[in-house]
N, C-alpha and C. Protein backbone atom coordinates (compact mmCIF):
# COMPACT_ATOMS: atom_id res chain seq x y z
N UNK A 1 111.12 84.76 85.44
CA UNK A 1 109.99 85.94 85.20
C UNK A 1 108.99 85.39 85.21
N UNK A 2 107.97 86.20 86.07
CA UNK A 2 106.69 86.02 86.39
C UNK A 2 105.90 86.44 85.19
N UNK A 3 104.66 85.49 84.97
CA UNK A 3 104.01 85.57 83.76
C UNK A 3 102.47 85.93 84.03
N UNK A 4 101.91 86.71 83.37
CA UNK A 4 100.52 86.90 83.44
C UNK A 4 99.59 87.43 82.09
N UNK A 5 98.49 86.91 81.82
CA UNK A 5 97.43 87.03 80.73
C UNK A 5 96.88 88.27 80.97
N UNK A 6 95.86 89.14 80.36
CA UNK A 6 94.85 89.16 80.70
C UNK A 6 93.93 88.97 80.07
N UNK A 7 92.65 89.16 80.60
CA UNK A 7 91.51 89.06 79.69
C UNK A 7 90.86 90.03 79.18
N UNK A 8 90.06 90.39 78.55
CA UNK A 8 89.20 91.42 78.08
C UNK A 8 88.50 92.70 79.24
N UNK A 9 88.21 91.67 80.38
CA UNK A 9 87.51 92.22 81.48
C UNK A 9 88.34 92.98 82.24
N UNK A 10 89.73 92.59 82.38
CA UNK A 10 91.08 92.94 82.91
C UNK A 10 90.91 94.11 82.02
N UNK A 11 91.33 94.32 80.79
CA UNK A 11 91.81 95.35 80.07
C UNK A 11 90.74 96.42 79.96
N UNK A 12 89.32 96.18 80.13
CA UNK A 12 88.63 97.15 79.88
C UNK A 12 88.34 97.91 81.51
N UNK A 13 88.76 96.94 82.10
CA UNK A 13 88.71 97.72 83.81
C UNK A 13 89.62 98.50 83.73
N UNK A 14 90.77 98.18 83.24
CA UNK A 14 91.75 99.23 83.29
C UNK A 14 91.56 100.72 82.16
N UNK A 15 90.50 100.47 81.29
CA UNK A 15 91.06 101.52 80.45
C UNK A 15 89.56 102.09 81.28
N UNK A 16 88.91 101.47 81.79
CA UNK A 16 87.79 102.50 81.88
C UNK A 16 88.28 103.15 83.61
N UNK A 17 89.42 103.02 83.94
CA UNK A 17 89.57 103.32 85.65
C UNK A 17 88.87 102.64 86.83
N UNK A 18 88.49 101.33 86.74
CA UNK A 18 87.49 100.94 87.42
C UNK A 18 88.71 100.29 88.70
N UNK A 19 88.41 100.54 89.88
CA UNK A 19 89.10 99.84 91.10
C UNK A 19 88.79 98.15 91.35
N UNK A 20 89.42 97.45 91.45
CA UNK A 20 90.55 97.52 91.65
C UNK A 20 91.72 97.24 90.13
N UNK A 21 90.56 96.88 89.52
CA UNK A 21 91.87 96.97 88.10
C UNK A 21 92.22 97.58 87.71
N UNK A 22 91.99 98.93 87.66
CA UNK A 22 92.82 99.83 87.43
C UNK A 22 94.22 100.32 87.73
N UNK A 23 94.07 99.86 89.51
CA UNK A 23 95.57 99.97 89.40
C UNK A 23 96.47 98.50 89.83
N UNK A 24 95.68 97.26 89.48
CA UNK A 24 96.55 96.21 89.49
C UNK A 24 97.42 96.25 88.00
N UNK A 25 96.35 96.60 86.84
CA UNK A 25 96.79 96.31 85.50
C UNK A 25 97.58 97.05 85.48
N UNK A 26 97.86 98.08 85.78
CA UNK A 26 98.97 99.21 85.85
C UNK A 26 99.88 99.07 86.29
N UNK A 27 100.04 98.52 87.42
CA UNK A 27 101.36 97.64 88.17
C UNK A 27 101.82 96.44 87.30
N UNK A 28 101.27 95.58 86.54
CA UNK A 28 101.74 94.73 85.58
C UNK A 28 102.46 95.50 84.76
N UNK A 29 101.84 96.51 84.25
CA UNK A 29 101.85 97.19 83.17
C UNK A 29 103.27 97.67 83.06
N UNK A 30 103.37 98.43 84.60
CA UNK A 30 104.66 98.92 84.77
C UNK A 30 106.22 98.23 85.07
N UNK A 31 105.38 97.08 85.67
CA UNK A 31 106.42 95.95 85.48
C UNK A 31 107.21 95.27 83.99
N UNK A 32 106.22 95.06 83.60
CA UNK A 32 106.74 94.59 82.13
C UNK A 32 107.57 95.98 81.28
N UNK A 33 107.32 97.02 81.80
CA UNK A 33 108.22 97.77 81.17
C UNK A 33 109.21 97.71 81.45
N UNK A 34 109.75 97.14 82.85
CA UNK A 34 110.57 97.49 83.38
C UNK A 34 111.53 96.11 82.85
N UNK A 35 110.88 95.32 82.20
CA UNK A 35 111.20 93.95 81.70
C UNK A 35 111.53 92.77 83.84
N UNK A 36 110.54 92.68 84.22
CA UNK A 36 110.62 92.29 85.43
C UNK A 36 109.13 91.24 85.57
N UNK A 37 108.00 91.55 84.18
CA UNK A 37 107.12 90.41 84.21
C UNK A 37 106.63 90.24 82.75
N UNK A 38 106.58 89.29 82.57
CA UNK A 38 105.85 89.34 80.87
C UNK A 38 104.26 89.18 81.08
N UNK A 39 103.79 90.18 79.84
CA UNK A 39 102.23 90.40 80.37
C UNK A 39 101.84 90.22 78.69
N UNK A 40 100.41 89.33 78.55
CA UNK A 40 100.38 89.16 77.44
C UNK A 40 98.70 88.91 77.06
N UNK A 41 98.44 88.79 76.16
CA UNK A 41 96.95 88.73 75.96
C UNK A 41 96.59 88.01 74.59
N UNK A 42 95.69 87.16 74.70
CA UNK A 42 95.12 86.57 73.12
C UNK A 42 94.21 87.46 72.37
N UNK A 43 95.10 87.42 70.62
CA UNK A 43 94.44 88.47 70.09
C UNK A 43 93.04 88.34 69.87
N UNK A 44 92.65 86.84 70.31
CA UNK A 44 91.05 87.07 70.55
C UNK A 44 90.39 87.81 71.37
N UNK A 45 90.98 87.87 72.68
CA UNK A 45 90.33 88.78 73.66
C UNK A 45 90.95 89.95 73.82
N UNK A 46 92.02 90.64 72.69
CA UNK A 46 91.77 91.79 72.55
C UNK A 46 90.59 92.29 71.77
N UNK A 47 90.27 91.13 70.61
CA UNK A 47 89.36 91.74 69.61
C UNK A 47 87.83 91.81 70.38
N UNK A 48 87.86 90.94 71.39
CA UNK A 48 86.68 90.81 72.09
C UNK A 48 86.37 92.28 73.13
N UNK A 49 87.97 92.83 73.43
CA UNK A 49 88.16 94.11 74.16
C UNK A 49 87.44 95.58 73.26
N UNK A 50 88.31 95.37 71.94
CA UNK A 50 87.69 95.75 70.55
C UNK A 50 86.39 96.41 70.45
N UNK A 51 85.23 95.12 70.54
CA UNK A 51 84.21 95.49 69.85
C UNK A 51 83.35 95.86 71.10
N UNK A 52 83.61 95.12 72.14
CA UNK A 52 82.99 95.70 73.34
C UNK A 52 83.14 96.90 73.57
N UNK A 53 84.19 97.87 73.37
CA UNK A 53 84.83 99.34 73.49
C UNK A 53 83.73 99.75 71.97
N UNK A 54 84.04 99.14 70.80
CA UNK A 54 82.76 100.15 69.95
C UNK A 54 81.42 99.83 70.46
N UNK A 55 81.11 98.81 70.97
CA UNK A 55 79.85 99.01 70.99
C UNK A 55 79.22 99.88 72.31
N UNK A 56 80.39 99.89 73.25
CA UNK A 56 79.54 100.81 74.12
C UNK A 56 79.90 102.32 74.06
N UNK A 57 81.31 102.63 73.22
CA UNK A 57 81.20 104.32 72.73
C UNK A 57 81.91 104.30 71.85
N UNK A 58 81.82 103.60 70.58
CA UNK A 58 81.69 103.70 69.47
C UNK A 58 83.15 103.45 68.52
N UNK A 59 83.31 103.86 67.00
CA UNK A 59 84.01 102.77 66.71
C UNK A 59 85.39 103.78 66.70
N UNK A 60 85.38 105.14 67.05
CA UNK A 60 87.01 106.13 67.12
C UNK A 60 87.43 105.38 68.41
N UNK A 61 86.95 105.25 69.71
CA UNK A 61 87.44 104.85 71.15
C UNK A 61 88.19 103.49 70.73
N UNK A 62 87.68 102.39 70.01
CA UNK A 62 87.90 101.17 69.53
C UNK A 62 89.31 101.12 68.87
N UNK A 63 89.18 102.01 67.88
CA UNK A 63 90.21 101.90 67.44
C UNK A 63 91.76 102.68 68.10
N UNK A 64 91.08 103.38 69.08
CA UNK A 64 92.51 104.41 69.89
C UNK A 64 92.99 103.28 70.56
N UNK A 65 91.90 102.32 71.19
CA UNK A 65 92.59 101.04 72.01
C UNK A 65 93.45 100.34 71.42
N UNK A 66 93.03 99.90 70.24
CA UNK A 66 93.87 99.17 69.17
C UNK A 66 95.59 99.77 69.00
N UNK A 67 95.24 101.19 68.52
CA UNK A 67 96.64 101.74 68.66
C UNK A 67 97.19 101.75 69.68
N UNK A 68 96.52 102.08 71.07
CA UNK A 68 97.57 102.23 72.35
C UNK A 68 97.79 100.27 72.56
N UNK A 69 97.10 99.66 72.50
CA UNK A 69 97.54 98.20 72.72
C UNK A 69 99.05 97.83 71.93
N UNK A 70 99.13 98.76 70.74
CA UNK A 70 100.27 98.19 69.93
C UNK A 70 101.22 99.02 70.54
N UNK A 71 101.34 99.95 71.31
CA UNK A 71 102.26 100.73 72.17
C UNK A 71 102.39 100.07 73.62
N UNK A 72 101.83 98.90 73.88
CA UNK A 72 102.20 98.84 75.48
C UNK A 72 102.61 97.51 75.50
N UNK A 73 103.22 97.37 76.72
CA UNK A 73 104.51 96.25 76.88
C UNK A 73 103.73 94.89 77.01
N UNK A 74 102.55 94.53 75.96
CA UNK A 74 101.39 93.20 76.20
C UNK A 74 101.84 92.85 74.91
N UNK A 75 102.50 91.75 74.96
CA UNK A 75 102.36 90.46 73.35
C UNK A 75 100.76 90.16 73.31
N UNK A 76 100.34 90.79 72.03
CA UNK A 76 99.36 90.09 71.84
C UNK A 76 99.58 88.67 71.04
N UNK A 77 99.14 87.70 71.49
CA UNK A 77 98.96 86.39 70.70
C UNK A 77 98.17 85.63 70.05
N UNK A 78 98.50 85.23 68.52
CA UNK A 78 97.92 84.70 68.04
C UNK A 78 97.71 83.34 68.21
N UNK A 79 96.26 82.54 68.33
CA UNK A 79 96.19 81.54 68.76
C UNK A 79 96.95 80.34 67.74
N UNK A 80 97.15 78.89 68.24
CA UNK A 80 97.51 78.14 67.16
C UNK A 80 96.47 76.92 67.54
N UNK A 81 96.60 75.85 66.43
CA UNK A 81 95.38 75.07 66.30
C UNK A 81 95.10 74.23 67.46
N UNK A 82 96.27 74.03 68.79
CA UNK A 82 95.91 73.21 69.69
C UNK A 82 95.41 74.12 70.43
N UNK A 83 95.38 75.46 71.09
CA UNK A 83 94.95 76.20 71.74
C UNK A 83 93.46 76.41 71.35
N UNK A 84 93.44 76.67 70.08
CA UNK A 84 91.77 76.99 69.09
C UNK A 84 90.81 75.66 70.15
N UNK A 85 91.67 74.35 70.00
CA UNK A 85 91.06 73.17 70.20
C UNK A 85 90.97 72.92 71.80
N UNK A 86 91.66 73.47 72.47
CA UNK A 86 91.87 73.02 73.68
C UNK A 86 90.70 74.59 74.44
N UNK A 87 90.43 75.71 73.73
CA UNK A 87 89.86 76.64 74.19
C UNK A 87 88.07 75.99 73.92
N UNK A 88 87.95 75.32 72.83
CA UNK A 88 87.04 74.74 72.21
C UNK A 88 86.23 73.61 73.59
N UNK A 89 87.33 72.84 73.97
CA UNK A 89 87.19 71.48 74.71
C UNK A 89 86.47 72.57 76.08
N UNK A 90 87.08 73.57 76.56
CA UNK A 90 87.24 74.25 77.57
C UNK A 90 85.76 74.62 77.87
N UNK A 91 85.12 75.49 76.61
CA UNK A 91 83.71 76.12 76.06
C UNK A 91 82.77 74.88 76.51
N UNK A 92 83.20 73.55 75.92
CA UNK A 92 82.35 72.32 75.65
C UNK A 92 82.00 72.27 77.23
N UNK A 93 82.81 72.58 78.52
CA UNK A 93 82.54 71.94 79.71
C UNK A 93 82.24 72.83 80.64
N UNK A 94 82.21 74.39 80.25
CA UNK A 94 81.70 75.00 81.02
C UNK A 94 80.78 76.42 80.17
N UNK A 95 79.74 77.07 80.97
CA UNK A 95 79.17 77.90 80.42
C UNK A 95 79.63 79.12 80.39
N UNK A 96 80.77 79.43 79.50
CA UNK A 96 81.29 80.81 79.68
C UNK A 96 81.83 80.75 78.11
N UNK A 97 81.90 82.35 77.89
CA UNK A 97 82.19 82.70 76.48
C UNK A 97 83.58 82.02 75.76
N UNK A 98 83.45 81.76 74.35
CA UNK A 98 84.27 81.60 73.87
C UNK A 98 85.56 82.06 74.07
N UNK A 99 85.66 83.12 73.87
CA UNK A 99 86.86 84.40 74.37
C UNK A 99 87.52 84.38 75.57
N UNK A 100 86.42 83.98 76.23
CA UNK A 100 86.94 83.37 77.78
C UNK A 100 87.49 82.41 77.64
N UNK A 101 87.21 81.12 77.49
CA UNK A 101 88.11 80.09 76.81
C UNK A 101 89.62 80.24 76.48
N UNK A 102 89.53 80.90 75.54
CA UNK A 102 90.81 81.69 75.08
C UNK A 102 91.61 82.47 76.29
N UNK A 103 91.15 83.25 76.90
CA UNK A 103 91.82 83.54 77.80
C UNK A 103 92.43 82.48 79.17
N UNK A 104 91.69 81.64 79.21
CA UNK A 104 92.17 80.42 80.23
C UNK A 104 92.99 79.72 79.69
N UNK A 105 93.06 79.22 78.18
CA UNK A 105 93.76 78.28 77.86
C UNK A 105 95.08 79.24 77.60
N UNK A 106 95.12 80.35 76.97
CA UNK A 106 96.34 80.98 76.85
C UNK A 106 97.17 81.67 78.21
N UNK A 107 96.26 81.02 79.65
CA UNK A 107 97.39 81.36 80.40
C UNK A 107 97.58 79.98 80.96
N UNK A 108 96.97 78.91 80.59
CA UNK A 108 97.22 77.40 81.04
C UNK A 108 98.53 77.07 80.14
N UNK A 109 98.53 77.69 78.83
CA UNK A 109 99.95 77.30 77.78
C UNK A 109 100.64 77.95 78.56
N UNK A 110 100.56 79.11 78.62
CA UNK A 110 101.68 80.14 78.83
C UNK A 110 102.37 79.51 80.65
N UNK A 111 101.47 79.27 81.33
CA UNK A 111 101.76 78.90 82.52
C UNK A 111 101.77 80.10 83.45
N UNK A 112 100.81 80.70 82.99
CA UNK A 112 100.82 81.76 83.51
C UNK A 112 99.26 82.46 84.35
N UNK A 113 99.61 83.89 85.25
CA UNK A 113 98.37 83.71 86.19
C UNK A 113 97.26 84.64 85.16
N UNK A 114 95.87 84.06 85.43
CA UNK A 114 94.97 85.40 84.39
C UNK A 114 94.64 85.99 85.32
N UNK A 115 94.69 87.03 84.36
CA UNK A 115 94.18 88.52 85.35
C UNK A 115 92.56 88.79 84.96
N UNK A 116 91.64 89.09 85.82
CA UNK A 116 90.15 89.35 85.49
C UNK A 116 89.24 89.30 86.53
N UNK A 117 88.28 89.62 86.44
CA UNK A 117 87.45 90.35 87.48
C UNK A 117 86.18 89.41 86.66
N UNK A 118 86.14 88.73 85.91
CA UNK A 118 84.80 88.36 85.22
C UNK A 118 84.28 86.75 86.05
N UNK A 119 82.93 87.35 86.80
CA UNK A 119 82.71 86.06 87.42
C UNK A 119 82.37 84.61 86.82
N UNK A 120 82.26 84.75 85.62
CA UNK A 120 82.37 83.31 85.29
C UNK A 120 83.44 82.70 85.37
N UNK A 121 84.77 83.48 84.78
CA UNK A 121 86.34 82.57 85.21
C UNK A 121 86.44 82.31 86.44
N UNK A 122 85.69 82.84 87.49
CA UNK A 122 86.29 82.85 88.97
C UNK A 122 85.33 81.32 89.22
N UNK A 123 84.39 81.48 88.51
CA UNK A 123 83.10 79.91 88.58
C UNK A 123 84.42 78.34 87.94
N UNK A 124 84.44 78.78 86.70
CA UNK A 124 86.04 78.12 86.02
C UNK A 124 86.92 77.81 87.07
N UNK A 125 87.30 78.68 87.69
CA UNK A 125 88.92 78.69 88.55
C UNK A 125 88.89 77.60 89.40
N UNK A 126 87.50 77.67 90.23
CA UNK A 126 87.03 76.35 91.04
C UNK A 126 86.97 74.72 90.44
N UNK A 127 87.11 74.97 89.66
CA UNK A 127 86.84 73.43 89.19
C UNK A 127 88.05 73.02 88.03
N UNK A 128 88.42 73.83 87.33
CA UNK A 128 89.90 73.69 86.41
C UNK A 128 90.88 74.24 87.06
N UNK A 129 92.34 73.39 86.90
CA UNK A 129 93.67 74.46 86.82
C UNK A 129 94.05 75.52 86.52
N UNK A 130 93.64 76.83 86.94
CA UNK A 130 93.85 77.59 86.64
C UNK A 130 94.31 78.86 87.86
N UNK A 131 95.17 79.46 87.92
CA UNK A 131 95.63 80.43 88.84
C UNK A 131 94.79 81.99 88.10
N UNK A 132 94.30 82.72 89.36
CA UNK A 132 93.42 83.89 88.66
C UNK A 132 94.35 84.78 89.75
N UNK A 133 94.44 86.06 89.39
CA UNK A 133 94.85 87.70 89.75
C UNK A 133 93.54 88.18 89.48
N UNK A 134 92.84 88.22 90.77
CA UNK A 134 91.14 88.98 90.54
C UNK A 134 91.06 90.47 90.77
N UNK A 135 90.46 91.40 89.78
CA UNK A 135 90.42 92.60 89.62
C UNK A 135 89.43 93.01 89.81
N UNK A 136 88.60 91.91 90.20
CA UNK A 136 86.91 92.40 89.85
C UNK A 136 87.04 93.07 91.58
N UNK A 137 85.49 93.78 91.55
CA UNK A 137 85.05 94.32 92.94
C UNK A 137 84.19 93.39 93.94
N UNK A 138 84.11 92.13 93.07
CA UNK A 138 83.47 90.86 94.00
C UNK A 138 83.23 89.71 93.32
N UNK A 139 83.61 88.74 94.45
CA UNK A 139 83.62 87.45 93.49
C UNK A 139 82.51 86.71 93.93
N UNK A 140 82.29 85.49 92.65
CA UNK A 140 80.84 84.93 93.11
C UNK A 140 81.41 83.26 93.96
N UNK A 141 80.62 83.06 94.40
CA UNK A 141 81.26 82.14 95.27
C UNK A 141 80.30 80.68 94.68
């Protein structure tokens, strides 16, 4: 079974209906609901999505996001010590957010494709062994 890890960029793009994130993430979620795909997200990235939604739109939409996430075919994963330290090591090598480092390391640990549209992660993917499913509107070269 193919596995995908969503970062907060992909999740927020999907929630806001931004293309191509909306259609690509929706397709992954449909496949997951039929048992054809495993979709997961680090709890760190779910927390990042929560606070970004809360900052932009208020507490009620952020809480609604958490409620909806609990019903979606997405496994939310709590990082263990090894993943936390691997994320810290990755962060020390690249100018990315700590949450982005969790997305990368979660995908690596699960041998999964990282679903993102974050230009910072595009740059990391050129230097680190990670496969991306690009759902952004533009790439940084």
